Structure formats: structure tokens, C-alpha cells
Amino acid sequence: MKYFASYFSNTFAKYFMKWQLGFIVTVPCMYLFTDILQWPHWATVIAFNAAGSFIFWPIDSFIFRKDE
């Protein structure tokens, strides 16, 4: 039961919102790389994952920092 209680924490709420914001990164990247630049899908997936990692690294660091 303790496992399910973790879903009602502030950390999970921040993490959930971060995942929702991932849509804002994914859609423009998919459009740019697939439709405009005509990259193959495998290259597009690698590129938008790379873009997401650069954008969300500071956010993840904030969410999962240890309170001192």
C-alpha cells in the first residue's frame, strides 16, 4: 500500500507534469525532423529524445534533488 501512496506525493506531481510537458517538445521535433527535414523515423526519434534530454535534465535534477 505504501507504493500506491507515492502517487499522491509532490514529487510524483512534478514528475507527472514533466511528462505532460514532453508533448511540447515531441510534437515540434517530430514536425521539424520528419515533415520539414524529411529525416527517417528512426533518426527523428533519436533527435527528439536527445532534445528532450537536454531540455529536461535541469527539470529532473530539480525534481529529484535531495533536500538538505
PDB file of N, CA and C in Angstrom:
ATOM      1  N   MET A   1       0.813  -1.194   0.000  1.00  0.00           N
ATOM      2  CA  MET A   1       0.000   0.000   0.000  1.00  0.00           C
ATOM      3  C   MET A   1       0.858   1.260   0.000  1.00  0.00           C
ATOM      4  N   LYS A   2       2.043   1.165   0.576  1.00  0.00           N
ATOM      5  CA  LYS A   2       2.951   2.313   0.600  1.00  0.00           C
ATOM      6  C   LYS A   2       3.334   2.716  -0.827  1.00  0.00           C
ATOM      7  N   TYR A   3       3.432   1.737  -1.708  1.00  0.00           N
ATOM      8  CA  TYR A   3       3.777   2.005  -3.113  1.00  0.00           C
ATOM      9  C   TYR A   3       2.756   2.939  -3.751  1.00  0.00           C
ATOM     10  N   PHE A   4       1.478   2.673  -3.571  1.00  0.00           N
ATOM     11  CA  PHE A   4       0.435   3.495  -4.174  1.00  0.00           C
ATOM     12  C   PHE A   4       0.343   4.874  -3.529  1.00  0.00           C
ATOM     13  N   ALA A   5       0.723   4.984  -2.291  1.00  0.00           N
ATOM     14  CA  ALA A   5       0.707   6.282  -1.614  1.00  0.00           C
ATOM     15  C   ALA A   5       1.711   7.243  -2.257  1.00  0.00           C
ATOM     16  N   SER A   6       2.764   6.710  -2.876  1.00  0.00           N
ATOM     17  CA  SER A   6       3.768   7.568  -3.506  1.00  0.00           C
ATOM     18  C   SER A   6       3.196   8.349  -4.690  1.00  0.00           C
ATOM     19  N   TYR A   7       2.080   7.884  -5.242  1.00  0.00           N
ATOM     20  CA  TYR A   7       1.453   8.603  -6.351  1.00  0.00           C
ATOM     21  C   TYR A   7       0.811   9.916  -5.901  1.00  0.00           C
ATOM     22  N   PHE A   8       0.608  10.080  -4.624  1.00  0.00           N
ATOM     23  CA  PHE A   8      -0.021  11.277  -4.089  1.00  0.00           C
ATOM     24  C   PHE A   8       1.000  12.212  -3.440  1.00  0.00           C
ATOM     25  N   SER A   9       2.230  12.148  -3.926  1.00  0.00           N
ATOM     26  CA  SER A   9       3.292  12.996  -3.379  1.00  0.00           C
ATOM     27  C   SER A   9       3.551  14.186  -4.304  1.00  0.00           C
ATOM     28  N   ASN A  10       4.204  15.192  -3.774  1.00  0.00           N
ATOM     29  CA  ASN A  10       4.583  16.347  -4.588  1.00  0.00           C
ATOM     30  C   ASN A  10       5.595  15.963  -5.655  1.00  0.00           C
ATOM     31  N   THR A  11       6.477  15.025  -5.344  1.00  0.00           N
ATOM     32  CA  THR A  11       7.469  14.590  -6.318  1.00  0.00           C
ATOM     33  C   THR A  11       6.794  13.961  -7.514  1.00  0.00           C
ATOM     34  N   PHE A  12       5.804  13.105  -7.269  1.00  0.00           N
ATOM     35  CA  PHE A  12       5.101  12.487  -8.393  1.00  0.00           C
ATOM     36  C   PHE A  12       4.342  13.526  -9.203  1.00  0.00           C
ATOM     37  N   ALA A  13       3.740  14.501  -8.566  1.00  0.00           N
ATOM     38  CA  ALA A  13       3.005  15.542  -9.284  1.00  0.00           C
ATOM     39  C   ALA A  13       3.942  16.316 -10.212  1.00  0.00           C
ATOM     40  N   LYS A  14       5.135  16.645  -9.734  1.00  0.00           N
ATOM     41  CA  LYS A  14       6.113  17.334 -10.571  1.00  0.00           C
ATOM     42  C   LYS A  14       6.557  16.446 -11.735  1.00  0.00           C
ATOM     43  N   TYR A  15       6.799  15.179 -11.424  1.00  0.00           N
ATOM     44  CA  TYR A  15       7.220  14.225 -12.447  1.00  0.00           C
ATOM     45  C   TYR A  15       6.135  14.048 -13.501  1.00  0.00           C
ATOM     46  N   PHE A  16       4.899  13.961 -13.080  1.00  0.00           N
ATOM     47  CA  PHE A  16       3.762  13.822 -13.991  1.00  0.00           C
ATOM     48  C   PHE A  16       3.664  15.034 -14.918  1.00  0.00           C
ATOM     49  N   MET A  17       3.795  16.220 -14.359  1.00  0.00           N
ATOM     50  CA  MET A  17       3.721  17.435 -15.170  1.00  0.00           C
ATOM     51  C   MET A  17       4.879  17.499 -16.165  1.00  0.00           C
ATOM     52  N   LYS A  18       6.044  17.016 -15.752  1.00  0.00           N
ATOM     53  CA  LYS A  18       7.180  16.995 -16.667  1.00  0.00           C
ATOM     54  C   LYS A  18       6.892  16.103 -17.861  1.00  0.00           C
ATOM     55  N   TRP A  19       6.285  14.965 -17.639  1.00  0.00           N
ATOM     56  CA  TRP A  19       5.926  14.070 -18.728  1.00  0.00           C
ATOM     57  C   TRP A  19       4.900  14.701 -19.646  1.00  0.00           C
ATOM     58  N   GLN A  20       3.979  15.445 -19.091  1.00  0.00           N
ATOM     59  CA  GLN A  20       2.983  16.122 -19.917  1.00  0.00           C
ATOM     60  C   GLN A  20       3.635  17.206 -20.769  1.00  0.00           C
ATOM     61  N   LEU A  21       4.617  17.889 -20.219  1.00  0.00           N
ATOM     62  CA  LEU A  21       5.343  18.904 -20.975  1.00  0.00           C
ATOM     63  C   LEU A  21       6.188  18.297 -22.094  1.00  0.00           C
ATOM     64  N   GLY A  22       6.495  17.023 -21.974  1.00  0.00           N
ATOM     65  CA  GLY A  22       7.244  16.337 -23.025  1.00  0.00           C
ATOM     66  C   GLY A  22       6.547  16.409 -24.370  1.00  0.00           C
ATOM     67  N   PHE A  23       5.231  16.505 -24.357  1.00  0.00           N
ATOM     68  CA  PHE A  23       4.458  16.644 -25.584  1.00  0.00           C
ATOM     69  C   PHE A  23       4.855  17.914 -26.330  1.00  0.00           C
ATOM     70  N   ILE A  24       5.120  18.975 -25.576  1.00  0.00           N
ATOM     71  CA  ILE A  24       5.500  20.256 -26.177  1.00  0.00           C
ATOM     72  C   ILE A  24       6.844  20.135 -26.902  1.00  0.00           C
ATOM     73  N   VAL A  25       7.693  19.248 -26.447  1.00  0.00           N
ATOM     74  CA  VAL A  25       8.981  19.022 -27.100  1.00  0.00           C
ATOM     75  C   VAL A  25       8.825  18.055 -28.271  1.00  0.00           C
ATOM     76  N   THR A  26       8.045  17.011 -28.077  1.00  0.00           N
ATOM     77  CA  THR A  26       7.931  15.952 -29.070  1.00  0.00           C
ATOM     78  C   THR A  26       7.290  16.411 -30.373  1.00  0.00           C
ATOM     79  N   VAL A  27       6.160  17.075 -30.291  1.00  0.00           N
ATOM     80  CA  VAL A  27       5.415  17.424 -31.498  1.00  0.00           C
ATOM     81  C   VAL A  27       6.196  18.360 -32.427  1.00  0.00           C
ATOM     82  N   PRO A  28       6.761  19.461 -31.930  1.00  0.00           N
ATOM     83  CA  PRO A  28       7.540  20.299 -32.855  1.00  0.00           C
ATOM     84  C   PRO A  28       8.753  19.575 -33.444  1.00  0.00           C
ATOM     85  N   CYS A  29       9.415  18.752 -32.621  1.00  0.00           N
ATOM     86  CA  CYS A  29      10.565  17.997 -33.135  1.00  0.00           C
ATOM     87  C   CYS A  29      10.136  17.013 -34.216  1.00  0.00           C
ATOM     88  N   MET A  30       9.049  16.307 -33.979  1.00  0.00           N
ATOM     89  CA  MET A  30       8.553  15.359 -34.980  1.00  0.00           C
ATOM     90  C   MET A  30       8.213  16.089 -36.277  1.00  0.00           C
ATOM     91  N   TYR A  31       7.560  17.227 -36.159  1.00  0.00           N
ATOM     92  CA  TYR A  31       7.203  18.004 -37.355  1.00  0.00           C
ATOM     93  C   TYR A  31       8.452  18.485 -38.082  1.00  0.00           C
ATOM     94  N   LEU A  32       9.389  19.071 -37.340  1.00  0.00           N
ATOM     95  CA  LEU A  32      10.602  19.594 -37.949  1.00  0.00           C
ATOM     96  C   LEU A  32      11.414  18.499 -38.635  1.00  0.00           C
ATOM     97  N   PHE A  33      11.715  17.448 -37.902  1.00  0.00           N
ATOM     98  CA  PHE A  33      12.614  16.425 -38.429  1.00  0.00           C
ATOM     99  C   PHE A  33      11.965  15.545 -39.491  1.00  0.00           C
ATOM    100  N   THR A  34      10.695  15.206 -39.305  1.00  0.00           N
ATOM    101  CA  THR A  34      10.034  14.295 -40.248  1.00  0.00           C
ATOM    102  C   THR A  34       9.471  15.033 -41.454  1.00  0.00           C
ATOM    103  N   ASP A  35       8.688  16.077 -41.216  1.00  0.00           N
ATOM    104  CA  ASP A  35       7.983  16.738 -42.311  1.00  0.00           C
ATOM    105  C   ASP A  35       8.836  17.764 -43.061  1.00  0.00           C
ATOM    106  N   ILE A  36       9.603  18.550 -42.337  1.00  0.00           N
ATOM    107  CA  ILE A  36      10.373  19.605 -42.993  1.00  0.00           C
ATOM    108  C   ILE A  36      11.725  19.086 -43.493  1.00  0.00           C
ATOM    109  N   LEU A  37      12.471  18.416 -42.608  1.00  0.00           N
ATOM    110  CA  LEU A  37      13.809  17.942 -42.984  1.00  0.00           C
ATOM    111  C   LEU A  37      13.795  16.579 -43.665  1.00  0.00           C
ATOM    112  N   GLN A  38      12.651  15.910 -43.652  1.00  0.00           N
ATOM    113  CA  GLN A  38      12.486  14.599 -44.310  1.00  0.00           C
ATOM    114  C   GLN A  38      13.435  13.525 -43.777  1.00  0.00           C
ATOM    115  N   TRP A  39      13.698  13.574 -42.459  1.00  0.00           N
ATOM    116  CA  TRP A  39      14.534  12.544 -41.849  1.00  0.00           C
ATOM    117  C   TRP A  39      13.721  11.263 -41.718  1.00  0.00           C
ATOM    118  N   PRO A  40      14.396  10.105 -41.720  1.00  0.00           N
ATOM    119  CA  PRO A  40      13.667   8.852 -41.455  1.00  0.00           C
ATOM    120  C   PRO A  40      13.185   8.822 -40.001  1.00  0.00           C
ATOM    121  N   HIS A  41      12.198   8.010 -39.733  1.00  0.00           N
ATOM    122  CA  HIS A  41      11.601   7.972 -38.393  1.00  0.00           C
ATOM    123  C   HIS A  41      12.607   7.589 -37.307  1.00  0.00           C
ATOM    124  N   TRP A  42      13.512   6.666 -37.605  1.00  0.00           N
ATOM    125  CA  TRP A  42      14.475   6.251 -36.588  1.00  0.00           C
ATOM    126  C   TRP A  42      15.370   7.418 -36.195  1.00  0.00           C
ATOM    127  N   ALA A  43      15.778   8.257 -37.162  1.00  0.00           N
ATOM    128  CA  ALA A  43      16.624   9.405 -36.858  1.00  0.00           C
ATOM    129  C   ALA A  43      15.836  10.480 -36.106  1.00  0.00           C
ATOM    130  N   THR A  44      14.572  10.632 -36.452  1.00  0.00           N
ATOM    131  CA  THR A  44      13.708  11.592 -35.774  1.00  0.00           C
ATOM    132  C   THR A  44      13.545  11.231 -34.305  1.00  0.00           C
ATOM    133  N   VAL A  45      13.336   9.958 -34.017  1.00  0.00           N
ATOM    134  CA  VAL A  45      13.173   9.517 -32.630  1.00  0.00           C
ATOM    135  C   VAL A  45      14.445   9.782 -31.828  1.00  0.00           C
ATOM    136  N   ILE A  46      15.587   9.478 -32.405  1.00  0.00           N
ATOM    137  CA  ILE A  46      16.858   9.747 -31.722  1.00  0.00           C
ATOM    138  C   ILE A  46      17.023  11.237 -31.479  1.00  0.00           C
ATOM    139  N   ALA A  47      16.691  12.066 -32.459  1.00  0.00           N
ATOM    140  CA  ALA A  47      16.863  13.510 -32.340  1.00  0.00           C
ATOM    141  C   ALA A  47      15.929  14.109 -31.295  1.00  0.00           C
ATOM    142  N   PHE A  48      14.651  13.702 -31.273  1.00  0.00           N
ATOM    143  CA  PHE A  48      13.774  14.327 -30.283  1.00  0.00           C
ATOM    144  C   PHE A  48      14.030  13.789 -28.886  1.00  0.00           C
ATOM    145  N   ASN A  49      14.547  12.575 -28.764  1.00  0.00           N
ATOM    146  CA  ASN A  49      14.971  12.101 -27.444  1.00  0.00           C
ATOM    147  C   ASN A  49      16.187  12.883 -26.954  1.00  0.00           C
ATOM    148  N   ALA A  50      17.105  13.198 -27.867  1.00  0.00           N
ATOM    149  CA  ALA A  50      18.266  14.000 -27.487  1.00  0.00           C
ATOM    150  C   ALA A  50      17.831  15.411 -27.072  1.00  0.00           C
ATOM    151  N   ALA A  51      16.943  16.004 -27.847  1.00  0.00           N
ATOM    152  CA  ALA A  51      16.445  17.341 -27.500  1.00  0.00           C
ATOM    153  C   ALA A  51      15.760  17.315 -26.138  1.00  0.00           C
ATOM    154  N   GLY A  52      14.940  16.307 -25.912  1.00  0.00           N
ATOM    155  CA  GLY A  52      14.257  16.185 -24.624  1.00  0.00           C
ATOM    156  C   GLY A  52      15.219  16.014 -23.468  1.00  0.00           C
ATOM    157  N   SER A  53      16.283  15.261 -23.680  1.00  0.00           N
ATOM    158  CA  SER A  53      17.241  15.062 -22.581  1.00  0.00           C
ATOM    159  C   SER A  53      17.946  16.363 -22.216  1.00  0.00           C
ATOM    160  N   PHE A  54      18.272  17.180 -23.208  1.00  0.00           N
ATOM    161  CA  PHE A  54      18.907  18.469 -22.920  1.00  0.00           C
ATOM    162  C   PHE A  54      17.935  19.427 -22.234  1.00  0.00           C
ATOM    163  N   ILE A  55      16.681  19.392 -22.633  1.00  0.00           N
ATOM    164  CA  ILE A  55      15.688  20.291 -22.054  1.00  0.00           C
ATOM    165  C   ILE A  55      15.292  19.859 -20.651  1.00  0.00           C
ATOM    166  N   PHE A  56      15.096  18.560 -20.446  1.00  0.00           N
ATOM    167  CA  PHE A  56      14.537  18.084 -19.193  1.00  0.00           C
ATOM    168  C   PHE A  56      15.566  17.692 -18.138  1.00  0.00           C
ATOM    169  N   TRP A  57      16.841  17.686 -18.467  1.00  0.00           N
ATOM    170  CA  TRP A  57      17.851  17.371 -17.447  1.00  0.00           C
ATOM    171  C   TRP A  57      17.779  18.328 -16.262  1.00  0.00           C
ATOM    172  N   PRO A  58      17.725  19.646 -16.473  1.00  0.00           N
ATOM    173  CA  PRO A  58      17.623  20.542 -15.312  1.00  0.00           C
ATOM    174  C   PRO A  58      16.322  20.347 -14.533  1.00  0.00           C
ATOM    175  N   ILE A  59      15.255  20.042 -15.238  1.00  0.00           N
ATOM    176  CA  ILE A  59      13.971  19.824 -14.566  1.00  0.00           C
ATOM    177  C   ILE A  59      14.035  18.564 -13.712  1.00  0.00           C
ATOM    178  N   ASP A  60      14.586  17.490 -14.261  1.00  0.00           N
ATOM    179  CA  ASP A  60      14.737  16.250 -13.481  1.00  0.00           C
ATOM    180  C   ASP A  60      15.650  16.459 -12.284  1.00  0.00           C
ATOM    181  N   SER A  61      16.716  17.211 -12.482  1.00  0.00           N
ATOM    182  CA  SER A  61      17.624  17.481 -11.367  1.00  0.00           C
ATOM    183  C   SER A  61      16.897  18.220 -10.250  1.00  0.00           C
ATOM    184  N   PHE A  62      16.013  19.139 -10.609  1.00  0.00           N
ATOM    185  CA  PHE A  62      15.223  19.858  -9.621  1.00  0.00           C
ATOM    186  C   PHE A  62      14.234  18.931  -8.922  1.00  0.00           C
ATOM    187  N   ILE A  63      13.546  18.100  -9.678  1.00  0.00           N
ATOM    188  CA  ILE A  63      12.524  17.227  -9.106  1.00  0.00           C
ATOM    189  C   ILE A  63      13.139  16.229  -8.133  1.00  0.00           C
ATOM    190  N   PHE A  64      14.270  15.639  -8.506  1.00  0.00           N
ATOM    191  CA  PHE A  64      14.830  14.561  -7.713  1.00  0.00           C
ATOM    192  C   PHE A  64      16.015  14.969  -6.840  1.00  0.00           C
ATOM    193  N   ARG A  65      16.160  16.269  -6.599  1.00  0.00           N
ATOM    194  CA  ARG A  65      17.247  16.716  -5.724  1.00  0.00           C
ATOM    195  C   ARG A  65      16.973  16.269  -4.283  1.00  0.00           C
ATOM    196  N   LYS A  66      18.036  16.098  -3.581  1.00  0.00           N
ATOM    197  CA  LYS A  66      17.919  15.746  -2.162  1.00  0.00           C
ATOM    198  C   LYS A  66      17.781  17.035  -1.366  1.00  0.00           C
ATOM    199  N   ASP A  67      16.755  17.118  -0.563  1.00  0.00           N
ATOM    200  CA  ASP A  67      16.607  18.286   0.292  1.00  0.00           C
ATOM    201  C   ASP A  67      17.651  18.233   1.399  1.00  0.00           C
ATOM    202  N   GLU A  68      18.370  19.319   1.540  1.00  0.00           N
ATOM    203  CA  GLU A  68      19.442  19.351   2.530  1.00  0.00           C
ATOM    204  C   GLU A  68      19.064  20.176   3.732  1.00  0.00           C
TER     205      GLU A  68
END
